[in-house]
C-alpha atoms as a PDB file:
ATOM      1  CA  MET A   1       0.000   0.000   0.000  1.00  0.00           C
ATOM      2  CA  LYS A   2       2.851   2.349   0.876  1.00  0.00           C
ATOM      3  CA  LYS A   3       4.493   1.636  -2.492  1.00  0.00           C
ATOM      4  CA  VAL A   4       1.280   2.489  -4.336  1.00  0.00           C
ATOM      5  CA  MET A   5       1.014   5.811  -2.478  1.00  0.00           C
ATOM      6  CA  VAL A   6       4.618   6.718  -3.359  1.00  0.00           C
ATOM      7  CA  VAL A   7       4.041   5.926  -7.043  1.00  0.00           C
ATOM      8  CA  ALA A   8       0.835   7.968  -7.046  1.00  0.00           C
ATOM      9  CA  THR A   9       2.623  10.911  -5.452  1.00  0.00           C
ATOM     10  CA  LEU A  10       5.464  10.767  -7.978  1.00  0.00           C
ATOM     11  CA  SER A  11       2.949  10.584 -10.810  1.00  0.00           C
ATOM     12  CA  ALA A  12       1.188  13.686  -9.531  1.00  0.00           C
ATOM     13  CA  LEU A  13       4.507  15.538  -9.348  1.00  0.00           C
ATOM     14  CA  CYS A  14       5.342  14.537 -12.903  1.00  0.00           C
ATOM     15  CA  VAL A  15       2.003  15.831 -14.184  1.00  0.00           C
ATOM     16  CA  THR A  16       2.631  19.181 -12.506  1.00  0.00           C
ATOM     17  CA  THR A  17       6.195  19.417 -13.776  1.00  0.00           C
ATOM     18  CA  LEU A  18       5.354  18.525 -17.360  1.00  0.00           C
ATOM     19  CA  PHE A  19       2.289  20.755 -17.667  1.00  0.00           C
ATOM     20  CA  SER A  20       2.965  23.233 -20.456  1.00  0.00           C
ATOM     21  CA  PHE A  21       1.883  26.744 -21.326  1.00  0.00           C
ATOM     22  CA  ASP A  22      -0.790  26.535 -24.011  1.00  0.00           C
ATOM     23  CA  ALA A  23      -1.078  29.621 -26.230  1.00  0.00           C
ATOM     24  CA  LYS A  24      -4.366  28.320 -27.626  1.00  0.00           C
ATOM     25  CA  VAL A  25      -5.953  28.263 -24.175  1.00  0.00           C
ATOM     26  CA  LEU A  26      -4.675  31.772 -23.423  1.00  0.00           C
ATOM     27  CA  LYS A  27      -6.109  33.015 -26.710  1.00  0.00           C
ATOM     28  CA  GLU A  28      -9.491  31.451 -25.904  1.00  0.00           C
ATOM     29  CA  ARG A  29      -9.593  33.018 -22.448  1.00  0.00           C
ATOM     30  CA  SER A  30      -8.513  36.403 -23.828  1.00  0.00           C
ATOM     31  CA  ASP A  31     -11.127  36.440 -26.596  1.00  0.00           C
ATOM     32  CA  ASN A  32     -13.310  39.559 -26.309  1.00  0.00           C
ATOM     33  CA  GLY A  33     -15.485  38.794 -29.316  1.00  0.00           C
ATOM     34  CA  TYR A  34     -14.163  41.626 -31.477  1.00  0.00           C
ATOM     35  CA  LYS A  35     -13.440  40.630 -35.068  1.00  0.00           C
ATOM     36  CA  SER A  36     -11.824  42.940 -37.608  1.00  0.00           C
ATOM     37  CA  ASP A  37      -9.287  42.771 -40.402  1.00  0.00           C
ATOM     38  CA  ALA A  38      -8.608  46.511 -40.260  1.00  0.00           C
ATOM     39  CA  LYS A  39      -4.932  47.484 -40.326  1.00  0.00           C
ATOM     40  CA  LEU A  40      -4.240  49.915 -37.510  1.00  0.00           C
ATOM     41  CA  GLU A  41      -1.512  52.543 -37.724  1.00  0.00           C
ATOM     42  CA  TYR A  42       0.709  53.272 -34.724  1.00  0.00           C
ATOM     43  CA  LYS A  43       0.234  56.983 -34.022  1.00  0.00           C
ATOM     44  CA  ILE A  44       1.513  59.180 -31.206  1.00  0.00           C
ATOM     45  CA  PRO A  45      -0.836  62.121 -30.619  1.00  0.00           C
ATOM     46  CA  ASP A  46       0.632  65.615 -30.496  1.00  0.00           C
ATOM     47  CA  ASP A  47       0.654  67.130 -26.998  1.00  0.00           C
ATOM     48  CA  LYS A  48      -0.166  70.480 -28.608  1.00  0.00           C
ATOM     49  CA  ASN A  49      -3.685  69.160 -29.137  1.00  0.00           C
ATOM     50  CA  ILE A  50      -4.339  68.516 -25.450  1.00  0.00           C
ATOM     51  CA  PRO A  51      -7.234  70.871 -24.660  1.00  0.00           C
ATOM     52  CA  ASN A  52      -6.859  73.783 -22.260  1.00  0.00           C
ATOM     53  CA  ASN A  53      -9.512  72.636 -19.791  1.00  0.00           C
ATOM     54  CA  GLN A  54      -9.961  70.328 -16.785  1.00  0.00           C
ATOM     55  CA  PHE A  55      -9.626  67.230 -18.931  1.00  0.00           C
ATOM     56  CA  GLY A  56      -6.414  68.538 -20.446  1.00  0.00           C
ATOM     57  CA  ASP A  57      -5.027  69.372 -17.010  1.00  0.00           C
ATOM     58  CA  LEU A  58      -5.673  65.813 -15.882  1.00  0.00           C
ATOM     59  CA  VAL A  59      -4.018  64.385 -19.001  1.00  0.00           C
ATOM     60  CA  LYS A  60      -0.956  66.573 -18.445  1.00  0.00           C
ATOM     61  CA  TYR A  61      -0.729  65.521 -14.798  1.00  0.00           C
ATOM     62  CA  GLY A  62      -1.023  61.901 -15.858  1.00  0.00           C
ATOM     63  CA  LYS A  63       1.926  62.301 -18.201  1.00  0.00           C
ATOM     64  CA  GLU A  64       3.910  64.017 -15.425  1.00  0.00           C
ATOM     65  CA  LEU A  65       3.248  61.042 -13.167  1.00  0.00           C
ATOM     66  CA  ILE A  66       4.514  58.629 -15.811  1.00  0.00           C
ATOM     67  CA  VAL A  67       7.680  60.639 -16.506  1.00  0.00           C
ATOM     68  CA  HIS A  68       8.447  61.790 -12.941  1.00  0.00           C
ATOM     69  CA  THR A  69       6.744  59.164 -10.783  1.00  0.00           C
ATOM     70  CA  SER A  70       9.284  59.459  -7.970  1.00  0.00           C
ATOM     71  CA  LYS A  71       8.643  63.203  -7.690  1.00  0.00           C
ATOM     72  CA  TYR A  72       4.947  62.786  -6.871  1.00  0.00           C
ATOM     73  CA  ILE A  73       4.392  59.340  -5.326  1.00  0.00           C
ATOM     74  CA  GLY A  74       7.898  58.019  -4.655  1.00  0.00           C
ATOM     75  CA  PRO A  75       9.363  56.913  -1.305  1.00  0.00           C
ATOM     76  CA  GLU A  76      11.230  60.211  -0.801  1.00  0.00           C
ATOM     77  CA  VAL A  77       8.339  62.678  -1.264  1.00  0.00           C
ATOM     78  CA  GLU A  78       7.819  65.023   1.660  1.00  0.00           C
ATOM     79  CA  ASP A  79       4.183  64.053   2.291  1.00  0.00           C
ATOM     80  CA  SER A  80       4.367  60.533   3.712  1.00  0.00           C
ATOM     81  CA  LYS A  81       0.748  59.889   2.708  1.00  0.00           C
ATOM     82  CA  MET A  82       1.785  60.174  -0.945  1.00  0.00           C
ATOM     83  CA  ARG A  83       4.530  57.546  -0.760  1.00  0.00           C
ATOM     84  CA  TYR A  84       2.914  54.852  -2.861  1.00  0.00           C
ATOM     85  CA  ALA A  85       5.921  53.709  -4.895  1.00  0.00           C
ATOM     86  CA  GLY A  86       8.455  51.704  -2.913  1.00  0.00           C
ATOM     87  CA  ASN A  87      11.381  52.577  -5.163  1.00  0.00           C
ATOM     88  CA  ASN A  88      12.608  55.634  -7.034  1.00  0.00           C
ATOM     89  CA  LEU A  89      11.923  54.354 -10.529  1.00  0.00           C
ATOM     90  CA  ASN A  90       9.604  56.185 -12.894  1.00  0.00           C
ATOM     91  CA  CYS A  91       6.906  54.485 -14.953  1.00  0.00           C
ATOM     92  CA  GLN A  92       8.830  55.463 -18.074  1.00  0.00           C
ATOM     93  CA  SER A  93      11.846  53.511 -16.815  1.00  0.00           C
ATOM     94  CA  CYS A  94      10.130  50.612 -18.586  1.00  0.00           C
ATOM     95  CA  HIS A  95       7.416  52.323 -20.648  1.00  0.00           C
ATOM     96  CA  LEU A  96       9.869  54.486 -22.566  1.00  0.00           C
ATOM     97  CA  ASP A  97       9.267  58.037 -23.811  1.00  0.00           C
ATOM     98  CA  ALA A  98       6.295  58.533 -21.498  1.00  0.00           C
ATOM     99  CA  GLY A  99       4.804  55.282 -22.733  1.00  0.00           C
ATOM    100  CA  THR A 100       4.884  56.175 -26.430  1.00  0.00           C
ATOM    101  CA  LYS A 101       7.956  54.307 -27.741  1.00  0.00           C
ATOM    102  CA  SER A 102       6.915  51.344 -29.845  1.00  0.00           C
ATOM    103  CA  TYR A 103       7.823  47.848 -28.647  1.00  0.00           C
ATOM    104  CA  SER A 104       8.471  49.021 -25.090  1.00  0.00           C
ATOM    105  CA  SER A 105       5.110  48.028 -23.548  1.00  0.00           C
ATOM    106  CA  SER A 106       3.624  51.155 -25.083  1.00  0.00           C
ATOM    107  CA  TYR A 107       0.490  52.885 -23.795  1.00  0.00           C
ATOM    108  CA  ILE A 108      -0.696  53.689 -27.319  1.00  0.00           C
ATOM    109  CA  GLY A 109      -4.159  52.137 -27.596  1.00  0.00           C
ATOM    110  CA  ILE A 110      -4.025  50.679 -24.085  1.00  0.00           C
ATOM    111  CA  PHE A 111      -7.263  52.262 -22.863  1.00  0.00           C
ATOM    112  CA  ALA A 112      -9.132  50.401 -25.603  1.00  0.00           C
ATOM    113  CA  ALA A 113      -7.749  47.048 -24.402  1.00  0.00           C
ATOM    114  CA  PHE A 114      -9.478  46.919 -21.006  1.00  0.00           C
ATOM    115  CA  PRO A 115     -11.175  45.168 -19.278  1.00  0.00           C
ATOM    116  CA  GLN A 116      -9.129  42.113 -20.276  1.00  0.00           C
ATOM    117  CA  TYR A 117      -8.200  38.629 -19.131  1.00  0.00           C
ATOM    118  CA  GLY A 118      -4.926  38.363 -17.224  1.00  0.00           C
ATOM    119  CA  ALA A 119      -3.161  35.037 -16.791  1.00  0.00           C
ATOM    120  CA  ARG A 120      -1.271  36.171 -13.686  1.00  0.00           C
ATOM    121  CA  GLY A 121      -4.495  36.400 -11.707  1.00  0.00           C
ATOM    122  CA  ASP A 122      -6.605  34.135 -13.930  1.00  0.00           C
ATOM    123  CA  SER A 123      -9.216  36.894 -13.880  1.00  0.00           C
ATOM    124  CA  ILE A 124     -10.669  39.846 -15.748  1.00  0.00           C
ATOM    125  CA  GLY A 125      -8.944  43.073 -14.753  1.00  0.00           C
ATOM    126  CA  THR A 126      -9.527  46.760 -15.362  1.00  0.00           C
ATOM    127  CA  LEU A 127      -6.970  49.338 -16.464  1.00  0.00           C
ATOM    128  CA  ALA A 128      -6.826  50.581 -12.868  1.00  0.00           C
ATOM    129  CA  ASP A 129      -6.034  47.033 -11.751  1.00  0.00           C
ATOM    130  CA  ARG A 130      -3.196  46.908 -14.269  1.00  0.00           C
ATOM    131  CA  ILE A 131      -1.755  50.219 -13.075  1.00  0.00           C
ATOM    132  CA  ASN A 132      -1.880  49.055  -9.472  1.00  0.00           C
ATOM    133  CA  GLY A 133      -0.273  45.777 -10.466  1.00  0.00           C
ATOM    134  CA  CYS A 134       2.696  47.816 -11.667  1.00  0.00           C
ATOM    135  CA  MET A 135       2.641  49.829  -8.462  1.00  0.00           C
ATOM    136  CA  GLN A 136       2.948  46.654  -6.402  1.00  0.00           C
ATOM    137  CA  ARG A 137       5.531  44.953  -8.609  1.00  0.00           C
ATOM    138  CA  SER A 138       7.651  47.147 -10.861  1.00  0.00           C
ATOM    139  CA  MET A 139       7.430  50.023  -8.384  1.00  0.00           C
ATOM    140  CA  ASN A 140       7.683  47.676  -5.370  1.00  0.00           C
ATOM    141  CA  GLY A 141       5.027  49.721  -3.594  1.00  0.00           C
ATOM    142  CA  LYS A 142       1.314  49.729  -2.832  1.00  0.00           C
ATOM    143  CA  SER A 143      -1.865  50.330  -4.781  1.00  0.00           C
ATOM    144  CA  LEU A 144      -3.166  53.799  -5.489  1.00  0.00           C
ATOM    145  CA  PRO A 145      -6.702  54.437  -4.181  1.00  0.00           C
ATOM    146  CA  LEU A 146      -9.183  54.035  -7.031  1.00  0.00           C
ATOM    147  CA  ASP A 147     -10.680  57.452  -6.285  1.00  0.00           C
ATOM    148  CA  SER A 148      -7.310  59.225  -6.167  1.00  0.00           C
ATOM    149  CA  LYS A 149      -6.427  62.031  -8.556  1.00  0.00           C
ATOM    150  CA  GLU A 150      -3.266  60.121  -9.482  1.00  0.00           C
ATOM    151  CA  ILE A 151      -4.903  56.987 -10.826  1.00  0.00           C
ATOM    152  CA  LYS A 152      -7.552  59.050 -12.602  1.00  0.00           C
ATOM    153  CA  ALA A 153      -4.804  61.162 -14.187  1.00  0.00           C
ATOM    154  CA  MET A 154      -2.829  58.129 -15.364  1.00  0.00           C
ATOM    155  CA  GLN A 155      -5.952  56.691 -16.942  1.00  0.00           C
ATOM    156  CA  ALA A 156      -6.807  60.039 -18.542  1.00  0.00           C
ATOM    157  CA  TYR A 157      -3.328  60.183 -20.103  1.00  0.00           C
ATOM    158  CA  MET A 158      -3.682  56.628 -21.398  1.00  0.00           C
ATOM    159  CA  TYR A 159      -7.123  57.535 -22.755  1.00  0.00           C
ATOM    160  CA  TRP A 160      -5.522  60.474 -24.584  1.00  0.00           C
ATOM    161  CA  LEU A 161      -2.968  58.134 -26.139  1.00  0.00           C
ATOM    162  CA  SER A 162      -5.731  55.722 -27.185  1.00  0.00           C
ATOM    163  CA  GLN A 163      -8.159  58.063 -28.940  1.00  0.00           C
ATOM    164  CA  GLY A 164      -9.209  56.829 -32.350  1.00  0.00           C
ATOM    165  CA  TYR A 165      -8.524  53.157 -31.678  1.00  0.00           C
ATOM    166  CA  PRO A 166     -11.485  50.748 -31.580  1.00  0.00           C
ATOM    167  CA  VAL A 167     -12.509  49.429 -28.186  1.00  0.00           C
ATOM    168  CA  ALA A 168     -11.296  45.817 -27.864  1.00  0.00           C
ATOM    169  CA  GLY A 169      -9.603  46.070 -31.263  1.00  0.00           C
ATOM    170  CA  VAL A 170      -5.982  46.921 -30.486  1.00  0.00           C
ATOM    171  CA  ASP A 171      -4.487  43.495 -29.814  1.00  0.00           C
ATOM    172  CA  LYS A 172      -2.939  43.367 -33.284  1.00  0.00           C
ATOM    173  CA  LEU A 173      -1.638  46.950 -33.259  1.00  0.00           C
ATOM    174  CA  GLU A 174       2.039  46.642 -34.227  1.00  0.00           C
ATOM    175  CA  GLY A 175       4.299  48.286 -31.672  1.00  0.00           C
ATOM    176  CA  ARG A 176       1.921  48.178 -28.707  1.00  0.00           C
ATOM    177  CA  SER A 177       3.510  45.108 -27.139  1.00  0.00           C
ATOM    178  CA  LEU A 178       7.053  43.802 -26.877  1.00  0.00           C
ATOM    179  CA  TYR A 179       8.654  42.173 -29.912  1.00  0.00           C
ATOM    180  CA  PRO A 180       9.700  38.589 -29.145  1.00  0.00           C
ATOM    181  CA  ILE A 181      13.243  37.338 -29.520  1.00  0.00           C
ATOM    182  CA  ASP A 182      13.780  34.071 -31.425  1.00  0.00           C
ATOM    183  CA  ARG A 183      11.294  31.612 -29.918  1.00  0.00           C
ATOM    184  CA  LYS A 184      12.965  28.650 -31.628  1.00  0.00           C
ATOM    185  CA  MET A 185      16.238  29.499 -29.892  1.00  0.00           C
ATOM    186  CA  ILE A 186      14.747  29.732 -26.415  1.00  0.00           C
ATOM    187  CA  LYS A 187      13.113  26.314 -26.736  1.00  0.00           C
ATOM    188  CA  THR A 188      16.421  24.481 -27.153  1.00  0.00           C
ATOM    189  CA  GLN A 189      19.017  26.810 -25.663  1.00  0.00           C
ATOM    190  CA  ALA A 190      19.420  27.966 -22.084  1.00  0.00           C
ATOM    191  CA  ALA A 191      20.449  31.544 -21.379  1.00  0.00           C
ATOM    192  CA  ASN A 192      24.042  31.952 -20.225  1.00  0.00           C
ATOM    193  CA  PRO A 193      24.416  34.473 -17.367  1.00  0.00           C
ATOM    194  CA  VAL A 194      28.219  34.359 -17.615  1.00  0.00           C
ATOM    195  CA  LYS A 195      28.134  35.479 -21.246  1.00  0.00           C
ATOM    196  CA  GLY A 196      25.411  37.907 -20.221  1.00  0.00           C
ATOM    197  CA  GLY A 197      27.795  39.458 -17.714  1.00  0.00           C
ATOM    198  CA  VAL A 198      30.219  40.212 -20.543  1.00  0.00           C
ATOM    199  CA  VAL A 199      27.425  41.872 -22.536  1.00  0.00           C
ATOM    200  CA  TYR A 200      26.414  43.845 -19.452  1.00  0.00           C
ATOM    201  CA  GLU A 201      29.952  45.111 -18.879  1.00  0.00           C
ATOM    202  CA  GLN A 202      30.352  46.134 -22.520  1.00  0.00           C
ATOM    203  CA  GLN A 203      26.899  47.546 -23.252  1.00  0.00           C
ATOM    204  CA  CYS A 204      25.029  48.327 -20.020  1.00  0.00           C
ATOM    205  CA  ALA A 205      27.348  49.168 -17.120  1.00  0.00           C
ATOM    206  CA  SER A 206      28.176  52.677 -18.357  1.00  0.00           C
ATOM    207  CA  CYS A 207      24.569  53.719 -17.679  1.00  0.00           C
ATOM    208  CA  HIS A 208      23.247  51.208 -15.142  1.00  0.00           C
ATOM    209  CA  GLY A 209      26.433  50.891 -13.074  1.00  0.00           C
ATOM    210  CA  ALA A 210      28.940  48.114 -12.563  1.00  0.00           C
ATOM    211  CA  ASN A 211      26.821  46.840  -9.673  1.00  0.00           C
ATOM    212  CA  GLY A 212      23.430  47.536 -11.252  1.00  0.00           C
ATOM    213  CA  GLU A 213      22.991  50.616  -9.067  1.00  0.00           C
ATOM    214  CA  GLY A 214      22.021  53.046 -11.835  1.00  0.00           C
ATOM    215  CA  ILE A 215      22.781  56.772 -11.856  1.00  0.00           C
ATOM    216  CA  LYS A 216      20.588  58.775  -9.485  1.00  0.00           C
ATOM    217  CA  ASN A 217      19.653  62.377 -10.153  1.00  0.00           C
ATOM    218  CA  GLU A 218      20.724  64.937  -7.570  1.00  0.00           C
ATOM    219  CA  GLY A 219      18.185  66.062  -5.042  1.00  0.00           C
ATOM    220  CA  ARG A 220      15.454  64.385  -3.038  1.00  0.00           C
ATOM    221  CA  ALA A 221      12.578  62.597  -4.789  1.00  0.00           C
ATOM    222  CA  ASN A 222      14.184  63.196  -8.159  1.00  0.00           C
ATOM    223  CA  GLY A 223      14.539  59.640  -9.475  1.00  0.00           C
ATOM    224  CA  TYR A 224      17.252  58.276 -11.698  1.00  0.00           C
ATOM    225  CA  MET A 225      18.910  59.366 -14.908  1.00  0.00           C
ATOM    226  CA  TYR A 226      19.447  55.646 -15.575  1.00  0.00           C
ATOM    227  CA  PRO A 227      17.541  53.234 -13.327  1.00  0.00           C
ATOM    228  CA  PRO A 228      19.070  50.501 -11.157  1.00  0.00           C
ATOM    229  CA  LEU A 229      18.567  46.946 -12.399  1.00  0.00           C
ATOM    230  CA  TRP A 230      19.056  45.114  -9.116  1.00  0.00           C
ATOM    231  CA  GLY A 231      19.425  46.027  -5.462  1.00  0.00           C
ATOM    232  CA  GLU A 232      17.015  47.530  -2.925  1.00  0.00           C
ATOM    233  CA  ASP A 233      15.722  50.349  -5.140  1.00  0.00           C
ATOM    234  CA  THR A 234      14.377  48.525  -8.180  1.00  0.00           C
ATOM    235  CA  TYR A 235      11.599  46.221  -9.368  1.00  0.00           C
ATOM    236  CA  ASN A 236      10.758  43.222  -7.229  1.00  0.00           C
ATOM    237  CA  LYS A 237      10.521  39.530  -8.097  1.00  0.00           C
ATOM    238  CA  GLY A 238       6.841  39.824  -8.976  1.00  0.00           C
ATOM    239  CA  ALA A 239       7.515  42.268 -11.824  1.00  0.00           C
ATOM    240  CA  GLY A 240       7.352  41.306 -15.470  1.00  0.00           C
ATOM    241  CA  MET A 241      10.972  42.374 -15.938  1.00  0.00           C
ATOM    242  CA  TYR A 242      12.022  39.639 -13.533  1.00  0.00           C
ATOM    243  CA  ARG A 243      10.858  37.100 -16.117  1.00  0.00           C
ATOM    244  CA  LEU A 244      13.641  36.173 -18.519  1.00  0.00           C
ATOM    245  CA  LEU A 245      11.731  36.180 -21.795  1.00  0.00           C
ATOM    246  CA  LYS A 246       9.885  39.408 -21.090  1.00  0.00           C
ATOM    247  CA  ALA A 247      13.118  41.130 -20.052  1.00  0.00           C
ATOM    248  CA  ALA A 248      14.957  39.812 -23.124  1.00  0.00           C
ATOM    249  CA  ASP A 249      12.158  40.963 -25.449  1.00  0.00           C
ATOM    250  CA  PHE A 250      12.306  44.446 -23.936  1.00  0.00           C
ATOM    251  CA  ILE A 251      16.095  44.645 -24.045  1.00  0.00           C
ATOM    252  CA  LYS A 252      16.408  43.511 -27.673  1.00  0.00           C
ATOM    253  CA  SER A 253      14.261  46.334 -29.097  1.00  0.00           C
ATOM    254  CA  ASN A 254      15.186  49.074 -26.639  1.00  0.00           C
ATOM    255  CA  MET A 255      18.644  48.679 -25.138  1.00  0.00           C
ATOM    256  CA  PRO A 256      21.228  50.136 -25.087  1.00  0.00           C
ATOM    257  CA  LEU A 257      19.536  53.507 -25.542  1.00  0.00           C
ATOM    258  CA  GLY A 258      19.080  54.222 -29.226  1.00  0.00           C
ATOM    259  CA  ALA A 259      18.138  50.661 -30.103  1.00  0.00           C
ATOM    260  CA  THR A 260      14.829  50.042 -31.845  1.00  0.00           C
ATOM    261  CA  LYS A 261      13.026  46.986 -33.111  1.00  0.00           C
ATOM    262  CA  GLU A 262      14.050  47.921 -36.651  1.00  0.00           C
ATOM    263  CA  ASN A 263      17.647  48.755 -35.701  1.00  0.00           C
ATOM    264  CA  PRO A 264      18.666  46.682 -32.657  1.00  0.00           C
ATOM    265  CA  ILE A 265      22.123  46.838 -31.144  1.00  0.00           C
ATOM    266  CA  LEU A 266      22.193  43.438 -29.431  1.00  0.00           C
ATOM    267  CA  THR A 267      21.536  40.063 -31.007  1.00  0.00           C
ATOM    268  CA  ASP A 268      18.694  37.883 -29.740  1.00  0.00           C
ATOM    269  CA  GLU A 269      21.208  35.682 -27.944  1.00  0.00           C
ATOM    270  CA  GLU A 270      22.932  38.642 -26.292  1.00  0.00           C
ATOM    271  CA  ALA A 271      19.605  40.038 -25.072  1.00  0.00           C
ATOM    272  CA  TYR A 272      18.656  36.588 -23.765  1.00  0.00           C
ATOM    273  CA  ASN A 273      21.952  36.171 -21.911  1.00  0.00           C
ATOM    274  CA  VAL A 274      22.106  39.663 -20.414  1.00  0.00           C
ATOM    275  CA  ALA A 275      18.512  39.393 -19.186  1.00  0.00           C
ATOM    276  CA  ALA A 276      19.523  36.212 -17.334  1.00  0.00           C
ATOM    277  CA  PHE A 277      22.556  37.988 -15.867  1.00  0.00           C
ATOM    278  CA  ILE A 278      20.512  40.933 -14.606  1.00  0.00           C
ATOM    279  CA  ASN A 279      17.988  38.670 -12.868  1.00  0.00           C
ATOM    280  CA  MET A 280      20.384  36.035 -11.519  1.00  0.00           C
ATOM    281  CA  ASP A 281      19.867  34.924  -7.906  1.00  0.00           C
ATOM    282  CA  SER A 282      23.129  36.474  -6.684  1.00  0.00           C
ATOM    283  CA  HIS A 283      21.781  39.937  -7.561  1.00  0.00           C
ATOM    284  CA  PHE A 284      19.547  40.966  -4.688  1.00  0.00           C
ATOM    285  CA  ARG A 285      16.119  42.382  -5.376  1.00  0.00           C
ATOM    286  CA  PRO A 286      13.041  42.659  -3.154  1.00  0.00           C
ATOM    287  CA  ASP A 287      10.544  39.833  -3.165  1.00  0.00           C
ATOM    288  CA  LYS A 288       6.816  40.297  -3.748  1.00  0.00           C
ATOM    289  CA  ALA A 289       4.427  39.279  -0.985  1.00  0.00           C
ATOM    290  CA  ASP A 290       2.046  36.448  -1.899  1.00  0.00           C
ATOM    291  CA  ARG A 291       3.838  35.788  -5.183  1.00  0.00           C
ATOM    292  CA  ILE A 292       2.967  32.142  -4.687  1.00  0.00           C
ATOM    293  CA  LYS A 293      -0.594  33.082  -5.712  1.00  0.00           C
ATOM    294  CA  ASP A 294       0.479  34.279  -9.170  1.00  0.00           C
ATOM    295  CA  PHE A 295      -0.582  32.221 -12.203  1.00  0.00           C
ATOM    296  CA  PRO A 296      -2.966  29.823 -10.437  1.00  0.00           C
ATOM    297  CA  SER A 297      -3.896  28.176 -13.761  1.00  0.00           C
ATOM    298  CA  GLU A 298      -1.054  25.985 -15.070  1.00  0.00           C
ATOM    299  CA  GLU A 299      -2.355  26.047 -18.658  1.00  0.00           C
ATOM    300  CA  VAL A 300      -1.659  29.760 -19.041  1.00  0.00           C
ATOM    301  CA  LYS A 301       1.265  30.167 -16.673  1.00  0.00           C
ATOM    302  CA  ALA A 302       4.092  31.878 -18.557  1.00  0.00           C
ATOM    303  CA  PRO A 303       7.002  29.447 -19.076  1.00  0.00           C
ATOM    304  CA  ASP A 304       9.522  31.895 -17.591  1.00  0.00           C
ATOM    305  CA  VAL A 305       7.763  32.326 -14.247  1.00  0.00           C
ATOM    306  CA  TYR A 306      10.296  31.329 -11.606  1.00  0.00           C
ATOM    307  CA  ARG A 307       9.616  30.813  -7.918  1.00  0.00           C
ATOM    308  CA  PRO A 308      12.226  28.570  -6.244  1.00  0.00           C
ATOM    309  CA  THR A 309       9.685  26.557  -4.247  1.00  0.00           C
ATOM    310  CA  ILE A 310       7.389  25.966  -7.226  1.00  0.00           C
ATOM    311  CA  GLU A 311       9.228  26.044 -10.556  1.00  0.00           C
ATOM    312  CA  THR A 312      12.544  24.562 -11.640  1.00  0.00           C
ATOM    313  CA  LYS A 313      15.777  26.391 -12.434  1.00  0.00           C
ATOM    314  CA  GLU A 314      14.953  25.824 -16.112  1.00  0.00           C
ATOM    315  CA  ASN A 315      11.981  28.148 -15.722  1.00  0.00           C
ATOM    316  CA  GLN A 316      14.488  30.850 -14.801  1.00  0.00           C
ATOM    317  CA  VAL A 317      17.102  30.386 -17.541  1.00  0.00           C
ATOM    318  CA  GLY A 318      15.674  27.845 -19.992  1.00  0.00           C
ATOM    319  CA  PRO A 319      15.613  26.047 -22.270  1.00  0.00           C
ATOM    320  CA  PHE A 320      11.856  26.454 -22.390  1.00  0.00           C
ATOM    321  CA  GLY A 321      10.804  23.892 -24.976  1.00  0.00           C
ATOM    322  CA  LYS A 322       9.277  21.436 -22.537  1.00  0.00           C
ATOM    323  CA  PHE A 323       7.237  24.221 -20.884  1.00  0.00           C
ATOM    324  CA  ILE A 324       5.574  25.350 -24.113  1.00  0.00           C
ATOM    325  CA  LYS A 325       2.889  23.251 -25.784  1.00  0.00           C
END
């Protein structure tokens, strides 16, 4: 009887380990019923057209919050009640050029994409939920109150950047999301943090520091010229940038500064390796409370989600072939 129980337990563990991310299931759960073959053009609206009224003031404040987050809601602001972010990053540390640069998790069209299904919570979330997710993870802080001027302003700015796009129809807008590195490579090849360290030293350290500390602007609550990539004052382990593939996709089209999707500076392999180096275990970063609750549905759990007590080391550095259906 004891032998049977051991075999059953091992079988259950094998099922869990071998369960793979299924893009088809994610697509089905994300389906909003909108069908269109229209080709959408990536357009950045001109700030000169922001109206001179209350709405325009809110849009402008929303942009200020994205560009200078640490100045208004960072951990060093004078009013302790406004310290919502737990680090001194700005939203545009990841969403470049105030959220308008293509292939850098752009805000263009984002207002038209919500509510939407999110695999991390296996639930339907609002745009405010998404903003507060970033506050808790990338900003290592706490949620903004839903009735606060700040969250209303951020949404107003994102609305401004989304005017003219069809509600629920922006999923195929080129440039809105990250551009993936070679998915055939990542299925058979693990990232190499040692080689990534060489790339970091040659291409990244001049801005982000030899120890990932970044370059901080002078003065209190004034953020960074170039953000830190590990340490106490950066994104935590619940952030999207802590996931290897997401970080590599971002890096390939955006880093070093000046890189674009059309004219990258790093190869796919270099981006893959340096992303692994940045997020390696020996580089301290804050953890995220209750991260064990992320991705409760195995079918849509991203293959590069890594929690030491749940996933394997391969989920951190690859190869990812056996985790993708």
